[in-house]
């Protein structure tokens, strides 16, 4: 029987591997993945295509919304 496990993009797998190498706690890893997912949703595309301006705009968005 095959697992119904979702496939992980190469970018996300790289991020997970890097966090494991840095020995980040599982909760920290989950939070980082969540934050990157929210950023990707905000810009409407993959985070590996983000520009410096996208990051700046997102930071302003977070400040405007009390983060």
PDB file of N, CA and C in Angstrom:
ATOM      1  N   UNK A   1       0.850  -1.177   0.000  1.00  0.00           N
ATOM      2  CA  UNK A   1       0.000   0.000   0.000  1.00  0.00           C
ATOM      3  C   UNK A   1       0.892   1.235   0.000  1.00  0.00           C
ATOM      4  N   UNK A   2       0.527   2.253  -0.777  1.00  0.00           N
ATOM      5  CA  UNK A   2       1.327   3.472  -0.858  1.00  0.00           C
ATOM      6  C   UNK A   2       0.841   4.481   0.163  1.00  0.00           C
ATOM      7  N   UNK A   3       1.757   5.316   0.571  1.00  0.00           N
ATOM      8  CA  UNK A   3       1.451   6.357   1.546  1.00  0.00           C
ATOM      9  C   UNK A   3       0.781   7.534   0.846  1.00  0.00           C
ATOM     10  N   UNK A   4      -0.134   8.185   1.528  1.00  0.00           N
ATOM     11  CA  UNK A   4      -0.816   9.355   0.985  1.00  0.00           C
ATOM     12  C   UNK A   4      -0.065  10.632   1.364  1.00  0.00           C
ATOM     13  N   UNK A   5       1.234  10.500   1.557  1.00  0.00           N
ATOM     14  CA  UNK A   5       2.055  11.630   1.970  1.00  0.00           C
ATOM     15  C   UNK A   5       2.221  12.604   0.804  1.00  0.00           C
ATOM     16  N   UNK A   6       1.957  13.904   1.035  1.00  0.00           N
ATOM     17  CA  UNK A   6       2.105  14.873  -0.052  1.00  0.00           C
ATOM     18  C   UNK A   6       3.568  15.026  -0.460  1.00  0.00           C
ATOM     19  N   UNK A   7       3.769  15.345  -1.733  1.00  0.00           N
ATOM     20  CA  UNK A   7       5.138  15.565  -2.193  1.00  0.00           C
ATOM     21  C   UNK A   7       5.615  16.920  -1.701  1.00  0.00           C
ATOM     22  N   UNK A   8       6.890  16.996  -1.438  1.00  0.00           N
ATOM     23  CA  UNK A   8       7.502  18.220  -0.935  1.00  0.00           C
ATOM     24  C   UNK A   8       8.335  18.813  -2.061  1.00  0.00           C
ATOM     25  N   UNK A   9       8.181  20.126  -2.270  1.00  0.00           N
ATOM     26  CA  UNK A   9       8.950  20.780  -3.327  1.00  0.00           C
ATOM     27  C   UNK A   9      10.433  20.748  -2.976  1.00  0.00           C
ATOM     28  N   UNK A  10      11.286  20.801  -3.986  1.00  0.00           N
ATOM     29  CA  UNK A  10      12.730  20.825  -3.707  1.00  0.00           C
ATOM     30  C   UNK A  10      13.134  22.006  -2.821  1.00  0.00           C
ATOM     31  N   UNK A  11      12.488  23.148  -3.005  1.00  0.00           N
ATOM     32  CA  UNK A  11      12.800  24.321  -2.182  1.00  0.00           C
ATOM     33  C   UNK A  11      12.463  24.058  -0.715  1.00  0.00           C
ATOM     34  N   UNK A  12      11.276  23.508  -0.456  1.00  0.00           N
ATOM     35  CA  UNK A  12      10.886  23.231   0.928  1.00  0.00           C
ATOM     36  C   UNK A  12      11.796  22.163   1.537  1.00  0.00           C
ATOM     37  N   UNK A  13      12.132  21.133   0.755  1.00  0.00           N
ATOM     38  CA  UNK A  13      13.013  20.091   1.274  1.00  0.00           C
ATOM     39  C   UNK A  13      14.380  20.660   1.635  1.00  0.00           C
ATOM     40  N   UNK A  14      14.881  21.566   0.806  1.00  0.00           N
ATOM     41  CA  UNK A  14      16.175  22.206   1.101  1.00  0.00           C
ATOM     42  C   UNK A  14      16.085  22.989   2.404  1.00  0.00           C
ATOM     43  N   UNK A  15      14.991  23.722   2.582  1.00  0.00           N
ATOM     44  CA  UNK A  15      14.795  24.501   3.798  1.00  0.00           C
ATOM     45  C   UNK A  15      14.742  23.577   5.020  1.00  0.00           C
ATOM     46  N   UNK A  16      14.008  22.483   4.910  1.00  0.00           N
ATOM     47  CA  UNK A  16      13.899  21.528   6.011  1.00  0.00           C
ATOM     48  C   UNK A  16      15.266  20.927   6.333  1.00  0.00           C
ATOM     49  N   UNK A  17      15.999  20.528   5.292  1.00  0.00           N
ATOM     50  CA  UNK A  17      17.332  19.961   5.509  1.00  0.00           C
ATOM     51  C   UNK A  17      18.264  20.966   6.182  1.00  0.00           C
ATOM     52  N   UNK A  18      18.221  22.217   5.731  1.00  0.00           N
ATOM     53  CA  UNK A  18      19.073  23.257   6.330  1.00  0.00           C
ATOM     54  C   UNK A  18      18.722  23.486   7.797  1.00  0.00           C
ATOM     55  N   UNK A  19      17.422  23.474   8.117  1.00  0.00           N
ATOM     56  CA  UNK A  19      17.011  23.664   9.505  1.00  0.00           C
ATOM     57  C   UNK A  19      17.450  22.483  10.366  1.00  0.00           C
ATOM     58  N   UNK A  20      17.388  21.271   9.801  1.00  0.00           N
ATOM     59  CA  UNK A  20      17.863  20.091  10.540  1.00  0.00           C
ATOM     60  C   UNK A  20      19.356  20.197  10.803  1.00  0.00           C
ATOM     61  N   UNK A  21      20.121  20.636   9.816  1.00  0.00           N
ATOM     62  CA  UNK A  21      21.569  20.781  10.015  1.00  0.00           C
ATOM     63  C   UNK A  21      21.873  21.785  11.114  1.00  0.00           C
ATOM     64  N   UNK A  22      21.062  22.813  11.205  1.00  0.00           N
ATOM     65  CA  UNK A  22      21.252  23.825  12.255  1.00  0.00           C
ATOM     66  C   UNK A  22      20.671  23.374  13.581  1.00  0.00           C
ATOM     67  N   UNK A  23      20.046  22.194  13.593  1.00  0.00           N
ATOM     68  CA  UNK A  23      19.462  21.583  14.785  1.00  0.00           C
ATOM     69  C   UNK A  23      18.392  22.466  15.427  1.00  0.00           C
ATOM     70  N   UNK A  24      17.552  23.057  14.587  1.00  0.00           N
ATOM     71  CA  UNK A  24      16.448  23.845  15.109  1.00  0.00           C
ATOM     72  C   UNK A  24      15.398  22.904  15.692  1.00  0.00           C
ATOM     73  N   UNK A  25      14.741  23.353  16.725  1.00  0.00           N
ATOM     74  CA  UNK A  25      13.697  22.566  17.365  1.00  0.00           C
ATOM     75  C   UNK A  25      12.547  22.326  16.381  1.00  0.00           C
ATOM     76  N   UNK A  26      11.854  21.199  16.516  1.00  0.00           N
ATOM     77  CA  UNK A  26      10.733  20.905  15.609  1.00  0.00           C
ATOM     78  C   UNK A  26       9.687  22.013  15.549  1.00  0.00           C
ATOM     79  N   UNK A  27       9.358  22.618  16.684  1.00  0.00           N
ATOM     80  CA  UNK A  27       8.378  23.713  16.693  1.00  0.00           C
ATOM     81  C   UNK A  27       8.900  24.913  15.907  1.00  0.00           C
ATOM     82  N   UNK A  28      10.176  25.212  16.043  1.00  0.00           N
ATOM     83  CA  UNK A  28      10.782  26.318  15.306  1.00  0.00           C
ATOM     84  C   UNK A  28      10.727  26.027  13.811  1.00  0.00           C
ATOM     85  N   UNK A  29      11.046  24.794  13.434  1.00  0.00           N
ATOM     86  CA  UNK A  29      10.991  24.410  12.024  1.00  0.00           C
ATOM     87  C   UNK A  29       9.580  24.580  11.473  1.00  0.00           C
ATOM     88  N   UNK A  30       8.593  24.119  12.224  1.00  0.00           N
ATOM     89  CA  UNK A  30       7.195  24.237  11.785  1.00  0.00           C
ATOM     90  C   UNK A  30       6.802  25.703  11.628  1.00  0.00           C
ATOM     91  N   UNK A  31       7.245  26.548  12.565  1.00  0.00           N
ATOM     92  CA  UNK A  31       6.927  27.974  12.483  1.00  0.00           C
ATOM     93  C   UNK A  31       7.582  28.624  11.267  1.00  0.00           C
ATOM     94  N   UNK A  32       8.831  28.272  10.985  1.00  0.00           N
ATOM     95  CA  UNK A  32       9.519  28.836   9.824  1.00  0.00           C
ATOM     96  C   UNK A  32       8.820  28.438   8.524  1.00  0.00           C
ATOM     97  N   UNK A  33       8.420  27.172   8.423  1.00  0.00           N
ATOM     98  CA  UNK A  33       7.714  26.714   7.220  1.00  0.00           C
ATOM     99  C   UNK A  33       6.390  27.462   7.092  1.00  0.00           C
ATOM    100  N   UNK A  34       5.682  27.641   8.210  1.00  0.00           N
ATOM    101  CA  UNK A  34       4.404  28.368   8.191  1.00  0.00           C
ATOM    102  C   UNK A  34       4.602  29.807   7.717  1.00  0.00           C
ATOM    103  N   UNK A  35       5.637  30.460   8.224  1.00  0.00           N
ATOM    104  CA  UNK A  35       5.894  31.858   7.859  1.00  0.00           C
ATOM    105  C   UNK A  35       6.230  31.987   6.379  1.00  0.00           C
ATOM    106  N   UNK A  36       7.030  31.071   5.865  1.00  0.00           N
ATOM    107  CA  UNK A  36       7.370  31.120   4.437  1.00  0.00           C
ATOM    108  C   UNK A  36       6.123  30.845   3.597  1.00  0.00           C
ATOM    109  N   UNK A  37       5.269  29.921   4.052  1.00  0.00           N
ATOM    110  CA  UNK A  37       4.018  29.636   3.341  1.00  0.00           C
ATOM    111  C   UNK A  37       3.127  30.878   3.309  1.00  0.00           C
ATOM    112  N   UNK A  38       3.027  31.593   4.422  1.00  0.00           N
ATOM    113  CA  UNK A  38       2.225  32.828   4.468  1.00  0.00           C
ATOM    114  C   UNK A  38       2.809  33.894   3.542  1.00  0.00           C
ATOM    115  N   UNK A  39       4.125  34.003   3.502  1.00  0.00           N
ATOM    116  CA  UNK A  39       4.773  34.959   2.605  1.00  0.00           C
ATOM    117  C   UNK A  39       4.467  34.609   1.150  1.00  0.00           C
ATOM    118  N   UNK A  40       4.571  33.329   0.803  1.00  0.00           N
ATOM    119  CA  UNK A  40       4.284  32.889  -0.565  1.00  0.00           C
ATOM    120  C   UNK A  40       2.833  33.195  -0.928  1.00  0.00           C
ATOM    121  N   UNK A  41       1.931  32.985   0.007  1.00  0.00           N
ATOM    122  CA  UNK A  41       0.519  33.300  -0.240  1.00  0.00           C
ATOM    123  C   UNK A  41       0.351  34.802  -0.468  1.00  0.00           C
ATOM    124  N   UNK A  42       1.061  35.601   0.301  1.00  0.00           N
ATOM    125  CA  UNK A  42       0.973  37.059   0.168  1.00  0.00           C
ATOM    126  C   UNK A  42       1.452  37.521  -1.211  1.00  0.00           C
ATOM    127  N   UNK A  43       2.590  37.002  -1.669  1.00  0.00           N
ATOM    128  CA  UNK A  43       3.117  37.466  -2.958  1.00  0.00           C
ATOM    129  C   UNK A  43       2.471  36.739  -4.144  1.00  0.00           C
ATOM    130  N   UNK A  44       1.782  35.633  -3.869  1.00  0.00           N
ATOM    131  CA  UNK A  44       1.056  34.930  -4.913  1.00  0.00           C
ATOM    132  C   UNK A  44       1.909  34.070  -5.831  1.00  0.00           C
ATOM    133  N   UNK A  45       3.085  33.705  -5.360  1.00  0.00           N
ATOM    134  CA  UNK A  45       3.964  32.840  -6.158  1.00  0.00           C
ATOM    135  C   UNK A  45       5.000  32.206  -5.233  1.00  0.00           C
ATOM    136  N   UNK A  46       5.848  31.385  -5.820  1.00  0.00           N
ATOM    137  CA  UNK A  46       6.860  30.684  -5.038  1.00  0.00           C
ATOM    138  C   UNK A  46       7.824  31.669  -4.382  1.00  0.00           C
ATOM    139  N   UNK A  47       8.216  31.416  -3.142  1.00  0.00           N
ATOM    140  CA  UNK A  47       9.126  32.340  -2.461  1.00  0.00           C
ATOM    141  C   UNK A  47      10.505  32.429  -3.103  1.00  0.00           C
ATOM    142  N   UNK A  48      10.885  31.428  -3.911  1.00  0.00           N
ATOM    143  CA  UNK A  48      12.199  31.514  -4.547  1.00  0.00           C
ATOM    144  C   UNK A  48      12.229  32.525  -5.685  1.00  0.00           C
ATOM    145  N   UNK A  49      11.069  33.107  -5.999  1.00  0.00           N
ATOM    146  CA  UNK A  49      11.017  34.161  -7.015  1.00  0.00           C
ATOM    147  C   UNK A  49      10.876  35.552  -6.385  1.00  0.00           C
ATOM    148  N   UNK A  50      10.873  35.603  -5.063  1.00  0.00           N
ATOM    149  CA  UNK A  50      10.671  36.867  -4.350  1.00  0.00           C
ATOM    150  C   UNK A  50      11.837  37.823  -4.572  1.00  0.00           C
ATOM    151  N   UNK A  51      11.489  39.091  -4.621  1.00  0.00           N
ATOM    152  CA  UNK A  51      12.492  40.142  -4.749  1.00  0.00           C
ATOM    153  C   UNK A  51      12.667  40.834  -3.399  1.00  0.00           C
ATOM    154  N   UNK A  52      13.680  41.659  -3.322  1.00  0.00           N
ATOM    155  CA  UNK A  52      13.900  42.451  -2.111  1.00  0.00           C
ATOM    156  C   UNK A  52      12.681  43.334  -1.853  1.00  0.00           C
ATOM    157  N   UNK A  53      12.113  43.867  -2.916  1.00  0.00           N
ATOM    158  CA  UNK A  53      10.925  44.715  -2.767  1.00  0.00           C
ATOM    159  C   UNK A  53       9.733  43.913  -2.244  1.00  0.00           C
ATOM    160  N   UNK A  54       9.582  42.659  -2.676  1.00  0.00           N
ATOM    161  CA  UNK A  54       8.516  41.796  -2.144  1.00  0.00           C
ATOM    162  C   UNK A  54       8.676  41.627  -0.638  1.00  0.00           C
ATOM    163  N   UNK A  55       9.891  41.391  -0.192  1.00  0.00           N
ATOM    164  CA  UNK A  55      10.146  41.228   1.243  1.00  0.00           C
ATOM    165  C   UNK A  55       9.822  42.495   2.009  1.00  0.00           C
ATOM    166  N   UNK A  56      10.228  43.628   1.457  1.00  0.00           N
ATOM    167  CA  UNK A  56       9.969  44.913   2.113  1.00  0.00           C
ATOM    168  C   UNK A  56       8.467  45.177   2.209  1.00  0.00           C
ATOM    169  N   UNK A  57       7.748  44.930   1.122  1.00  0.00           N
ATOM    170  CA  UNK A  57       6.299  45.133   1.102  1.00  0.00           C
ATOM    171  C   UNK A  57       5.609  44.225   2.112  1.00  0.00           C
ATOM    172  N   UNK A  58       6.080  42.986   2.207  1.00  0.00           N
ATOM    173  CA  UNK A  58       5.499  42.043   3.164  1.00  0.00           C
ATOM    174  C   UNK A  58       5.768  42.496   4.597  1.00  0.00           C
ATOM    175  N   UNK A  59       6.963  42.984   4.857  1.00  0.00           N
ATOM    176  CA  UNK A  59       7.275  43.484   6.200  1.00  0.00           C
ATOM    177  C   UNK A  59       6.371  44.656   6.557  1.00  0.00           C
ATOM    178  N   UNK A  60       6.150  45.547   5.618  1.00  0.00           N
ATOM    179  CA  UNK A  60       5.234  46.673   5.875  1.00  0.00           C
ATOM    180  C   UNK A  60       3.818  46.170   6.124  1.00  0.00           C
ATOM    181  N   UNK A  61       3.408  45.166   5.368  1.00  0.00           N
ATOM    182  CA  UNK A  61       2.099  44.553   5.565  1.00  0.00           C
ATOM    183  C   UNK A  61       1.978  44.005   6.989  1.00  0.00           C
ATOM    184  N   UNK A  62       3.016  43.321   7.468  1.00  0.00           N
ATOM    185  CA  UNK A  62       2.991  42.776   8.819  1.00  0.00           C
ATOM    186  C   UNK A  62       2.921  43.890   9.866  1.00  0.00           C
ATOM    187  N   UNK A  63       3.681  44.940   9.669  1.00  0.00           N
ATOM    188  CA  UNK A  63       3.653  46.082  10.610  1.00  0.00           C
ATOM    189  C   UNK A  63       2.262  46.710  10.628  1.00  0.00           C
ATOM    190  N   UNK A  64       1.682  46.880   9.454  1.00  0.00           N
ATOM    191  CA  UNK A  64       0.335  47.482   9.366  1.00  0.00           C
ATOM    192  C   UNK A  64      -0.724  46.625  10.047  1.00  0.00           C
ATOM    193  N   UNK A  65      -0.478  45.344  10.152  1.00  0.00           N
ATOM    194  CA  UNK A  65      -1.452  44.434  10.749  1.00  0.00           C
ATOM    195  C   UNK A  65      -1.040  43.986  12.158  1.00  0.00           C
ATOM    196  N   UNK A  66      -0.169  44.754  12.794  1.00  0.00           N
ATOM    197  CA  UNK A  66       0.140  44.538  14.201  1.00  0.00           C
ATOM    198  C   UNK A  66       1.137  43.449  14.533  1.00  0.00           C
ATOM    199  N   UNK A  67       1.896  43.015  13.544  1.00  0.00           N
ATOM    200  CA  UNK A  67       2.894  41.977  13.817  1.00  0.00           C
ATOM    201  C   UNK A  67       4.220  42.617  14.138  1.00  0.00           C
TER     202      UNK A  67
END
